[in-house]
Structure formats: C-alpha cells, structure tokens
Amino acid sequence: MTAAHSVFNEIAALLVLGALLGFIGQRLRQPLIVAFIVAGIVAGPDVLGVVSSAVHVQVLGELGVAVLLFLVGLKLDPGLLRTLGPVALATGS
C-alpha cells in the first residue's frame, strides 16, 4: 500500500470514528467537543493505533482549529467586543 493510501485510510478512519462517537455523544447528551476529544484519544497510538503518520494528521488538526476559530469569529458580536474590549485589554496587560 502506498503512503497516499495509508494517509487516506487514516483520515477516513478518523472521520468515521469521530462521526460514530459524535453520534453516541449526542445520544448521551454530551457536548460534541467531548466526543471528538475521546475519538482522538481512542484513535491515538496508545489505544487503537489508527494514526501512524502524525505529520499529516497534525496538519489536518491545525486546519480544523483554524476553521473553528474562523467560525467563532463570525459569531462574535461587535457590540460585545466594544464593551468588553478595554476590560480585556487591561486584564491582559
């Protein structure tokens, strides 16, 4: 099996595992982020060992975090930012 097929199989297995545990998490009325963290732990090298090419999965994870931060930024209320901005700036300083 070539390296491209291996990476594809790993990402496909991660997506299936994430969807399955996300569905189970929703049925148990848990936040999806908890189910996805559990999926990452289960897919890791210590439990099932699904992930062997850490570089490719790391890039996929960084892309996911960037998309998540973008979506959070879209839902950010400018009025709230104006109100809390000086307080957050003073606290951060």
PDB file of N, CA and C in Angstrom:
ATOM      1  N   MET A   1       0.849  -1.176   0.000  1.00  0.00           N
ATOM      2  CA  MET A   1       0.000   0.000   0.000  1.00  0.00           C
ATOM      3  C   MET A   1       0.892   1.235   0.000  1.00  0.00           C
ATOM      4  N   THR A   2       0.547   2.219  -0.802  1.00  0.00           N
ATOM      5  CA  THR A   2       1.367   3.424  -0.883  1.00  0.00           C
ATOM      6  C   THR A   2       1.067   4.349   0.289  1.00  0.00           C
ATOM      7  N   ALA A   3       1.931   5.349   0.440  1.00  0.00           N
ATOM      8  CA  ALA A   3       1.777   6.297   1.551  1.00  0.00           C
ATOM      9  C   ALA A   3       0.500   7.109   1.413  1.00  0.00           C
ATOM     10  N   ALA A   4       0.107   7.444   0.172  1.00  0.00           N
ATOM     11  CA  ALA A   4      -1.113   8.236  -0.042  1.00  0.00           C
ATOM     12  C   ALA A   4      -2.342   7.452   0.400  1.00  0.00           C
ATOM     13  N   HIS A   5      -2.359   6.152   0.096  1.00  0.00           N
ATOM     14  CA  HIS A   5      -3.490   5.328   0.518  1.00  0.00           C
ATOM     15  C   HIS A   5      -3.522   5.200   2.033  1.00  0.00           C
ATOM     16  N   SER A   6      -2.358   5.110   2.652  1.00  0.00           N
ATOM     17  CA  SER A   6      -2.290   4.987   4.101  1.00  0.00           C
ATOM     18  C   SER A   6      -2.838   6.240   4.778  1.00  0.00           C
ATOM     19  N   VAL A   7      -2.438   7.413   4.289  1.00  0.00           N
ATOM     20  CA  VAL A   7      -2.930   8.664   4.868  1.00  0.00           C
ATOM     21  C   VAL A   7      -4.427   8.790   4.649  1.00  0.00           C
ATOM     22  N   PHE A   8      -4.887   8.446   3.448  1.00  0.00           N
ATOM     23  CA  PHE A   8      -6.318   8.498   3.162  1.00  0.00           C
ATOM     24  C   PHE A   8      -7.089   7.567   4.090  1.00  0.00           C
ATOM     25  N   ASN A   9      -6.578   6.363   4.293  1.00  0.00           N
ATOM     26  CA  ASN A   9      -7.256   5.412   5.176  1.00  0.00           C
ATOM     27  C   ASN A   9      -7.283   5.906   6.617  1.00  0.00           C
ATOM     28  N   GLU A  10      -6.205   6.523   7.061  1.00  0.00           N
ATOM     29  CA  GLU A  10      -6.174   7.056   8.425  1.00  0.00           C
ATOM     30  C   GLU A  10      -7.184   8.184   8.606  1.00  0.00           C
ATOM     31  N   ILE A  11      -7.228   9.108   7.654  1.00  0.00           N
ATOM     32  CA  ILE A  11      -8.162  10.225   7.762  1.00  0.00           C
ATOM     33  C   ILE A  11      -9.597   9.725   7.666  1.00  0.00           C
ATOM     34  N   ALA A  12      -9.856   8.762   6.776  1.00  0.00           N
ATOM     35  CA  ALA A  12     -11.202   8.197   6.667  1.00  0.00           C
ATOM     36  C   ALA A  12     -11.598   7.501   7.965  1.00  0.00           C
ATOM     37  N   ALA A  13     -10.664   6.769   8.569  1.00  0.00           N
ATOM     38  CA  ALA A  13     -10.969   6.096   9.836  1.00  0.00           C
ATOM     39  C   ALA A  13     -11.221   7.112  10.945  1.00  0.00           C
ATOM     40  N   LEU A  14     -10.460   8.213  10.959  1.00  0.00           N
ATOM     41  CA  LEU A  14     -10.689   9.259  11.955  1.00  0.00           C
ATOM     42  C   LEU A  14     -12.055   9.899  11.782  1.00  0.00           C
ATOM     43  N   LEU A  15     -12.453  10.159  10.543  1.00  0.00           N
ATOM     44  CA  LEU A  15     -13.769  10.750  10.291  1.00  0.00           C
ATOM     45  C   LEU A  15     -14.896   9.814  10.714  1.00  0.00           C
ATOM     46  N   VAL A  16     -14.759   8.541  10.391  1.00  0.00           N
ATOM     47  CA  VAL A  16     -15.786   7.569  10.775  1.00  0.00           C
ATOM     48  C   VAL A  16     -15.855   7.439  12.292  1.00  0.00           C
ATOM     49  N   LEU A  17     -14.698   7.355  12.937  1.00  0.00           N
ATOM     50  CA  LEU A  17     -14.669   7.244  14.396  1.00  0.00           C
ATOM     51  C   LEU A  17     -15.240   8.501  15.054  1.00  0.00           C
ATOM     52  N   GLY A  18     -14.891   9.672  14.514  1.00  0.00           N
ATOM     53  CA  GLY A  18     -15.424  10.924  15.044  1.00  0.00           C
ATOM     54  C   GLY A  18     -16.934  11.018  14.882  1.00  0.00           C
ATOM     55  N   ALA A  19     -17.443  10.594  13.717  1.00  0.00           N
ATOM     56  CA  ALA A  19     -18.883  10.621  13.487  1.00  0.00           C
ATOM     57  C   ALA A  19     -19.602   9.646  14.408  1.00  0.00           C
ATOM     58  N   LEU A  20     -19.037   8.465  14.572  1.00  0.00           N
ATOM     59  CA  LEU A  20     -19.655   7.459  15.434  1.00  0.00           C
ATOM     60  C   LEU A  20     -19.681   7.917  16.889  1.00  0.00           C
ATOM     61  N   LEU A  21     -18.549   8.389  17.391  1.00  0.00           N
ATOM     62  CA  LEU A  21     -18.513   8.846  18.776  1.00  0.00           C
ATOM     63  C   LEU A  21     -19.287  10.155  18.964  1.00  0.00           C
ATOM     64  N   GLY A  22     -19.364  10.983  17.922  1.00  0.00           N
ATOM     65  CA  GLY A  22     -20.188  12.185  17.987  1.00  0.00           C
ATOM     66  C   GLY A  22     -21.663  11.838  18.107  1.00  0.00           C
ATOM     67  N   PHE A  23     -22.090  10.833  17.343  1.00  0.00           N
ATOM     68  CA  PHE A  23     -23.485  10.379  17.425  1.00  0.00           C
ATOM     69  C   PHE A  23     -23.787   9.803  18.809  1.00  0.00           C
ATOM     70  N   ILE A  24     -22.868   8.996  19.320  1.00  0.00           N
ATOM     71  CA  ILE A  24     -23.058   8.423  20.657  1.00  0.00           C
ATOM     72  C   ILE A  24     -23.072   9.532  21.710  1.00  0.00           C
ATOM     73  N   GLY A  25     -22.181  10.516  21.553  1.00  0.00           N
ATOM     74  CA  GLY A  25     -22.146  11.634  22.491  1.00  0.00           C
ATOM     75  C   GLY A  25     -23.432  12.443  22.478  1.00  0.00           C
ATOM     76  N   GLN A  26     -23.998  12.643  21.283  1.00  0.00           N
ATOM     77  CA  GLN A  26     -25.267  13.368  21.197  1.00  0.00           C
ATOM     78  C   GLN A  26     -26.387  12.592  21.864  1.00  0.00           C
ATOM     79  N   ARG A  27     -26.401  11.295  21.674  1.00  0.00           N
ATOM     80  CA  ARG A  27     -27.440  10.468  22.304  1.00  0.00           C
ATOM     81  C   ARG A  27     -27.312  10.483  23.821  1.00  0.00           C
ATOM     82  N   LEU A  28     -26.089  10.633  24.316  1.00  0.00           N
ATOM     83  CA  LEU A  28     -25.855  10.712  25.756  1.00  0.00           C
ATOM     84  C   LEU A  28     -25.934  12.146  26.267  1.00  0.00           C
ATOM     85  N   ARG A  29     -26.312  13.068  25.373  1.00  0.00           N
ATOM     86  CA  ARG A  29     -26.458  14.493  25.685  1.00  0.00           C
ATOM     87  C   ARG A  29     -25.167  15.109  26.229  1.00  0.00           C
ATOM     88  N   GLN A  30     -24.079  14.796  25.552  1.00  0.00           N
ATOM     89  CA  GLN A  30     -22.776  15.355  25.882  1.00  0.00           C
ATOM     90  C   GLN A  30     -22.379  16.338  24.783  1.00  0.00           C
ATOM     91  N   PRO A  31     -21.559  17.331  25.106  1.00  0.00           N
ATOM     92  CA  PRO A  31     -21.083  18.245  24.057  1.00  0.00           C
ATOM     93  C   PRO A  31     -20.255  17.491  23.016  1.00  0.00           C
ATOM     94  N   LEU A  32     -20.359  17.923  21.767  1.00  0.00           N
ATOM     95  CA  LEU A  32     -19.630  17.241  20.702  1.00  0.00           C
ATOM     96  C   LEU A  32     -18.124  17.321  20.884  1.00  0.00           C
ATOM     97  N   ILE A  33     -17.643  18.394  21.474  1.00  0.00           N
ATOM     98  CA  ILE A  33     -16.200  18.528  21.654  1.00  0.00           C
ATOM     99  C   ILE A  33     -15.653  17.411  22.543  1.00  0.00           C
ATOM    100  N   VAL A  34     -16.445  16.988  23.523  1.00  0.00           N
ATOM    101  CA  VAL A  34     -16.026  15.885  24.394  1.00  0.00           C
ATOM    102  C   VAL A  34     -15.923  14.596  23.585  1.00  0.00           C
ATOM    103  N   ALA A  35     -16.906  14.352  22.725  1.00  0.00           N
ATOM    104  CA  ALA A  35     -16.881  13.145  21.894  1.00  0.00           C
ATOM    105  C   ALA A  35     -15.691  13.166  20.936  1.00  0.00           C
ATOM    106  N   PHE A  36     -15.364  14.335  20.394  1.00  0.00           N
ATOM    107  CA  PHE A  36     -14.243  14.420  19.464  1.00  0.00           C
ATOM    108  C   PHE A  36     -12.906  14.249  20.175  1.00  0.00           C
ATOM    109  N   ILE A  37     -12.804  14.737  21.393  1.00  0.00           N
ATOM    110  CA  ILE A  37     -11.578  14.530  22.172  1.00  0.00           C
ATOM    111  C   ILE A  37     -11.410  13.042  22.483  1.00  0.00           C
ATOM    112  N   VAL A  38     -12.500  12.393  22.850  1.00  0.00           N
ATOM    113  CA  VAL A  38     -12.452  10.945  23.113  1.00  0.00           C
ATOM    114  C   VAL A  38     -12.065  10.198  21.835  1.00  0.00           C
ATOM    115  N   ALA A  39     -12.595  10.626  20.696  1.00  0.00           N
ATOM    116  CA  ALA A  39     -12.235   9.991  19.426  1.00  0.00           C
ATOM    117  C   ALA A  39     -10.745  10.137  19.152  1.00  0.00           C
ATOM    118  N   GLY A  40     -10.175  11.301  19.451  1.00  0.00           N
ATOM    119  CA  GLY A  40      -8.743  11.494  19.265  1.00  0.00           C
ATOM    120  C   GLY A  40      -7.922  10.612  20.175  1.00  0.00           C
ATOM    121  N   ILE A  41      -8.380  10.450  21.401  1.00  0.00           N
ATOM    122  CA  ILE A  41      -7.658   9.589  22.344  1.00  0.00           C
ATOM    123  C   ILE A  41      -7.744   8.139  21.909  1.00  0.00           C
ATOM    124  N   VAL A  42      -8.930   7.713  21.499  1.00  0.00           N
ATOM    125  CA  VAL A  42      -9.123   6.313  21.080  1.00  0.00           C
ATOM    126  C   VAL A  42      -8.329   6.018  19.813  1.00  0.00           C
ATOM    127  N   ALA A  43      -8.263   6.971  18.885  1.00  0.00           N
ATOM    128  CA  ALA A  43      -7.552   6.741  17.625  1.00  0.00           C
ATOM    129  C   ALA A  43      -6.046   6.853  17.781  1.00  0.00           C
ATOM    130  N   GLY A  44      -5.579   7.400  18.877  1.00  0.00           N
ATOM    131  CA  GLY A  44      -4.153   7.606  19.084  1.00  0.00           C
ATOM    132  C   GLY A  44      -3.365   6.314  19.194  1.00  0.00           C
ATOM    133  N   PRO A  45      -2.057   6.441  19.250  1.00  0.00           N
ATOM    134  CA  PRO A  45      -1.194   5.257  19.248  1.00  0.00           C
ATOM    135  C   PRO A  45      -1.290   4.412  20.519  1.00  0.00           C
ATOM    136  N   ASP A  46      -1.809   4.972  21.606  1.00  0.00           N
ATOM    137  CA  ASP A  46      -1.867   4.216  22.857  1.00  0.00           C
ATOM    138  C   ASP A  46      -3.077   3.289  22.951  1.00  0.00           C
ATOM    139  N   VAL A  47      -4.137   3.547  22.174  1.00  0.00           N
ATOM    140  CA  VAL A  47      -5.338   2.708  22.287  1.00  0.00           C
ATOM    141  C   VAL A  47      -5.495   1.839  21.041  1.00  0.00           C
ATOM    142  N   LEU A  48      -5.993   2.410  19.938  1.00  0.00           N
ATOM    143  CA  LEU A  48      -6.201   1.619  18.720  1.00  0.00           C
ATOM    144  C   LEU A  48      -5.052   1.714  17.728  1.00  0.00           C
ATOM    145  N   GLY A  49      -4.292   2.776  17.805  1.00  0.00           N
ATOM    146  CA  GLY A  49      -3.171   2.941  16.888  1.00  0.00           C
ATOM    147  C   GLY A  49      -3.584   3.212  15.453  1.00  0.00           C
ATOM    148  N   VAL A  50      -4.727   3.873  15.250  1.00  0.00           N
ATOM    149  CA  VAL A  50      -5.193   4.191  13.902  1.00  0.00           C
ATOM    150  C   VAL A  50      -4.240   5.167  13.230  1.00  0.00           C
ATOM    151  N   VAL A  51      -3.710   6.110  13.991  1.00  0.00           N
ATOM    152  CA  VAL A  51      -2.852   7.153  13.442  1.00  0.00           C
ATOM    153  C   VAL A  51      -1.399   6.715  13.515  1.00  0.00           C
ATOM    154  N   SER A  52      -0.758   6.675  12.339  1.00  0.00           N
ATOM    155  CA  SER A  52       0.673   6.387  12.329  1.00  0.00           C
ATOM    156  C   SER A  52       1.463   7.503  11.674  1.00  0.00           C
ATOM    157  N   SER A  53       0.840   8.271  10.794  1.00  0.00           N
ATOM    158  CA  SER A  53       1.527   9.406  10.160  1.00  0.00           C
ATOM    159  C   SER A  53       1.104  10.688  10.876  1.00  0.00           C
ATOM    160  N   ALA A  54       1.815  11.010  11.917  1.00  0.00           N
ATOM    161  CA  ALA A  54       1.454  12.133  12.780  1.00  0.00           C
ATOM    162  C   ALA A  54       1.542  13.466  12.053  1.00  0.00           C
ATOM    163  N   VAL A  55       2.415  13.584  11.073  1.00  0.00           N
ATOM    164  CA  VAL A  55       2.595  14.856  10.372  1.00  0.00           C
ATOM    165  C   VAL A  55       1.325  15.233   9.610  1.00  0.00           C
ATOM    166  N   HIS A  56       0.758  14.285   8.879  1.00  0.00           N
ATOM    167  CA  HIS A  56      -0.446  14.573   8.102  1.00  0.00           C
ATOM    168  C   HIS A  56      -1.638  14.870   9.006  1.00  0.00           C
ATOM    169  N   VAL A  57      -1.760  14.139  10.068  1.00  0.00           N
ATOM    170  CA  VAL A  57      -2.877  14.354  10.981  1.00  0.00           C
ATOM    171  C   VAL A  57      -2.702  15.669  11.732  1.00  0.00           C
ATOM    172  N   GLN A  58      -1.466  16.061  12.023  1.00  0.00           N
ATOM    173  CA  GLN A  58      -1.211  17.336  12.678  1.00  0.00           C
ATOM    174  C   GLN A  58      -1.640  18.495  11.774  1.00  0.00           C
ATOM    175  N   VAL A  59      -1.340  18.397  10.491  1.00  0.00           N
ATOM    176  CA  VAL A  59      -1.762  19.439   9.549  1.00  0.00           C
ATOM    177  C   VAL A  59      -3.284  19.506   9.490  1.00  0.00           C
ATOM    178  N   LEU A  60      -3.941  18.365   9.468  1.00  0.00           N
ATOM    179  CA  LEU A  60      -5.399  18.327   9.459  1.00  0.00           C
ATOM    180  C   LEU A  60      -5.960  18.930  10.742  1.00  0.00           C
ATOM    181  N   GLY A  61      -5.337  18.664  11.876  1.00  0.00           N
ATOM    182  CA  GLY A  61      -5.775  19.230  13.143  1.00  0.00           C
ATOM    183  C   GLY A  61      -5.601  20.736  13.193  1.00  0.00           C
ATOM    184  N   GLU A  62      -4.482  21.236  12.670  1.00  0.00           N
ATOM    185  CA  GLU A  62      -4.260  22.679  12.637  1.00  0.00           C
ATOM    186  C   GLU A  62      -5.270  23.368  11.725  1.00  0.00           C
ATOM    187  N   LEU A  63      -5.598  22.730  10.619  1.00  0.00           N
ATOM    188  CA  LEU A  63      -6.614  23.272   9.730  1.00  0.00           C
ATOM    189  C   LEU A  63      -7.975  23.308  10.412  1.00  0.00           C
ATOM    190  N   GLY A  64      -8.304  22.258  11.167  1.00  0.00           N
ATOM    191  CA  GLY A  64      -9.566  22.218  11.905  1.00  0.00           C
ATOM    192  C   GLY A  64      -9.653  23.311  12.956  1.00  0.00           C
ATOM    193  N   VAL A  65      -8.563  23.565  13.656  1.00  0.00           N
ATOM    194  CA  VAL A  65      -8.556  24.635  14.662  1.00  0.00           C
ATOM    195  C   VAL A  65      -8.723  25.996  13.992  1.00  0.00           C
ATOM    196  N   ALA A  66      -8.082  26.191  12.845  1.00  0.00           N
ATOM    197  CA  ALA A  66      -8.221  27.457  12.123  1.00  0.00           C
ATOM    198  C   ALA A  66      -9.662  27.678  11.671  1.00  0.00           C
ATOM    199  N   VAL A  67     -10.309  26.642  11.180  1.00  0.00           N
ATOM    200  CA  VAL A  67     -11.712  26.759  10.765  1.00  0.00           C
ATOM    201  C   VAL A  67     -12.605  27.024  11.976  1.00  0.00           C
ATOM    202  N   LEU A  68     -12.336  26.358  13.083  1.00  0.00           N
ATOM    203  CA  LEU A  68     -13.113  26.578  14.302  1.00  0.00           C
ATOM    204  C   LEU A  68     -12.986  28.016  14.783  1.00  0.00           C
ATOM    205  N   LEU A  69     -11.777  28.548  14.807  1.00  0.00           N
ATOM    206  CA  LEU A  69     -11.579  29.936  15.222  1.00  0.00           C
ATOM    207  C   LEU A  69     -12.239  30.908  14.253  1.00  0.00           C
ATOM    208  N   PHE A  70     -12.233  30.585  12.976  1.00  0.00           N
ATOM    209  CA  PHE A  70     -12.911  31.424  11.988  1.00  0.00           C
ATOM    210  C   PHE A  70     -14.414  31.448  12.246  1.00  0.00           C
ATOM    211  N   LEU A  71     -14.998  30.291  12.515  1.00  0.00           N
ATOM    212  CA  LEU A  71     -16.436  30.234  12.788  1.00  0.00           C
ATOM    213  C   LEU A  71     -16.806  30.958  14.072  1.00  0.00           C
ATOM    214  N   VAL A  72     -15.957  30.864  15.077  1.00  0.00           N
ATOM    215  CA  VAL A  72     -16.205  31.599  16.324  1.00  0.00           C
ATOM    216  C   VAL A  72     -16.127  33.097  16.054  1.00  0.00           C
ATOM    217  N   GLY A  73     -15.188  33.525  15.229  1.00  0.00           N
ATOM    218  CA  GLY A  73     -15.063  34.934  14.882  1.00  0.00           C
ATOM    219  C   GLY A  73     -16.274  35.451  14.127  1.00  0.00           C
ATOM    220  N   LEU A  74     -16.886  34.606  13.312  1.00  0.00           N
ATOM    221  CA  LEU A  74     -18.080  35.023  12.585  1.00  0.00           C
ATOM    222  C   LEU A  74     -19.258  35.284  13.518  1.00  0.00           C
ATOM    223  N   LYS A  75     -19.324  34.563  14.610  1.00  0.00           N
ATOM    224  CA  LYS A  75     -20.439  34.697  15.543  1.00  0.00           C
ATOM    225  C   LYS A  75     -20.181  35.743  16.628  1.00  0.00           C
ATOM    226  N   LEU A  76     -19.008  36.372  16.600  1.00  0.00           N
ATOM    227  CA  LEU A  76     -18.653  37.354  17.612  1.00  0.00           C
ATOM    228  C   LEU A  76     -19.440  38.639  17.396  1.00  0.00           C
ATOM    229  N   ASP A  77     -20.051  39.129  18.441  1.00  0.00           N
ATOM    230  CA  ASP A  77     -20.865  40.335  18.384  1.00  0.00           C
ATOM    231  C   ASP A  77     -19.964  41.561  18.520  1.00  0.00           C
ATOM    232  N   PRO A  78     -19.954  42.460  17.523  1.00  0.00           N
ATOM    233  CA  PRO A  78     -19.093  43.652  17.614  1.00  0.00           C
ATOM    234  C   PRO A  78     -19.433  44.543  18.805  1.00  0.00           C
ATOM    235  N   GLY A  79     -20.707  44.620  19.172  1.00  0.00           N
ATOM    236  CA  GLY A  79     -21.093  45.421  20.332  1.00  0.00           C
ATOM    237  C   GLY A  79     -20.499  44.879  21.616  1.00  0.00           C
ATOM    238  N   LEU A  80     -20.508  43.574  21.756  1.00  0.00           N
ATOM    239  CA  LEU A  80     -19.918  42.944  22.932  1.00  0.00           C
ATOM    240  C   LEU A  80     -18.411  43.168  22.952  1.00  0.00           C
ATOM    241  N   LEU A  81     -17.796  43.119  21.789  1.00  0.00           N
ATOM    242  CA  LEU A  81     -16.357  43.349  21.705  1.00  0.00           C
ATOM    243  C   LEU A  81     -15.997  44.775  22.109  1.00  0.00           C
ATOM    244  N   ARG A  82     -16.818  45.754  21.697  1.00  0.00           N
ATOM    245  CA  ARG A  82     -16.581  47.140  22.096  1.00  0.00           C
ATOM    246  C   ARG A  82     -16.744  47.317  23.595  1.00  0.00           C
ATOM    247  N   THR A  83     -17.719  46.613  24.180  1.00  0.00           N
ATOM    248  CA  THR A  83     -17.973  46.740  25.615  1.00  0.00           C
ATOM    249  C   THR A  83     -16.871  46.080  26.444  1.00  0.00           C
ATOM    250  N   LEU A  84     -16.480  44.878  26.055  1.00  0.00           N
ATOM    251  CA  LEU A  84     -15.517  44.117  26.842  1.00  0.00           C
ATOM    252  C   LEU A  84     -14.068  44.352  26.426  1.00  0.00           C
ATOM    253  N   GLY A  85     -13.859  45.027  25.298  1.00  0.00           N
ATOM    254  CA  GLY A  85     -12.503  45.218  24.787  1.00  0.00           C
ATOM    255  C   GLY A  85     -11.561  45.899  25.761  1.00  0.00           C
ATOM    256  N   PRO A  86     -11.926  47.074  26.305  1.00  0.00           N
ATOM    257  CA  PRO A  86     -10.997  47.747  27.238  1.00  0.00           C
ATOM    258  C   PRO A  86     -10.722  46.937  28.500  1.00  0.00           C
ATOM    259  N   VAL A  87     -11.740  46.251  29.002  1.00  0.00           N
ATOM    260  CA  VAL A  87     -11.548  45.433  30.208  1.00  0.00           C
ATOM    261  C   VAL A  87     -10.604  44.265  29.896  1.00  0.00           C
ATOM    262  N   ALA A  88     -10.811  43.619  28.747  1.00  0.00           N
ATOM    263  CA  ALA A  88      -9.943  42.504  28.380  1.00  0.00           C
ATOM    264  C   ALA A  88      -8.514  42.971  28.114  1.00  0.00           C
ATOM    265  N   LEU A  89      -8.378  44.143  27.524  1.00  0.00           N
ATOM    266  CA  LEU A  89      -7.039  44.686  27.254  1.00  0.00           C
ATOM    267  C   LEU A  89      -6.313  45.021  28.555  1.00  0.00           C
ATOM    268  N   ALA A  90      -7.036  45.618  29.497  1.00  0.00           N
ATOM    269  CA  ALA A  90      -6.419  45.945  30.791  1.00  0.00           C
ATOM    270  C   ALA A  90      -6.068  44.687  31.571  1.00  0.00           C
ATOM    271  N   THR A  91      -6.946  43.700  31.534  1.00  0.00           N
ATOM    272  CA  THR A  91      -6.685  42.445  32.251  1.00  0.00           C
ATOM    273  C   THR A  91      -5.507  41.697  31.615  1.00  0.00           C
ATOM    274  N   GLY A  92      -5.453  41.686  30.305  1.00  0.00           N
ATOM    275  CA  GLY A  92      -4.374  41.001  29.608  1.00  0.00           C
ATOM    276  C   GLY A  92      -3.033  41.670  29.808  1.00  0.00           C
ATOM    277  N   SER A  93      -3.060  42.980  29.976  1.00  0.00           N
ATOM    278  CA  SER A  93      -1.797  43.710  30.154  1.00  0.00           C
ATOM    279  C   SER A  93      -1.257  43.443  31.545  1.00  0.00           C
TER     280      SER A  93
END
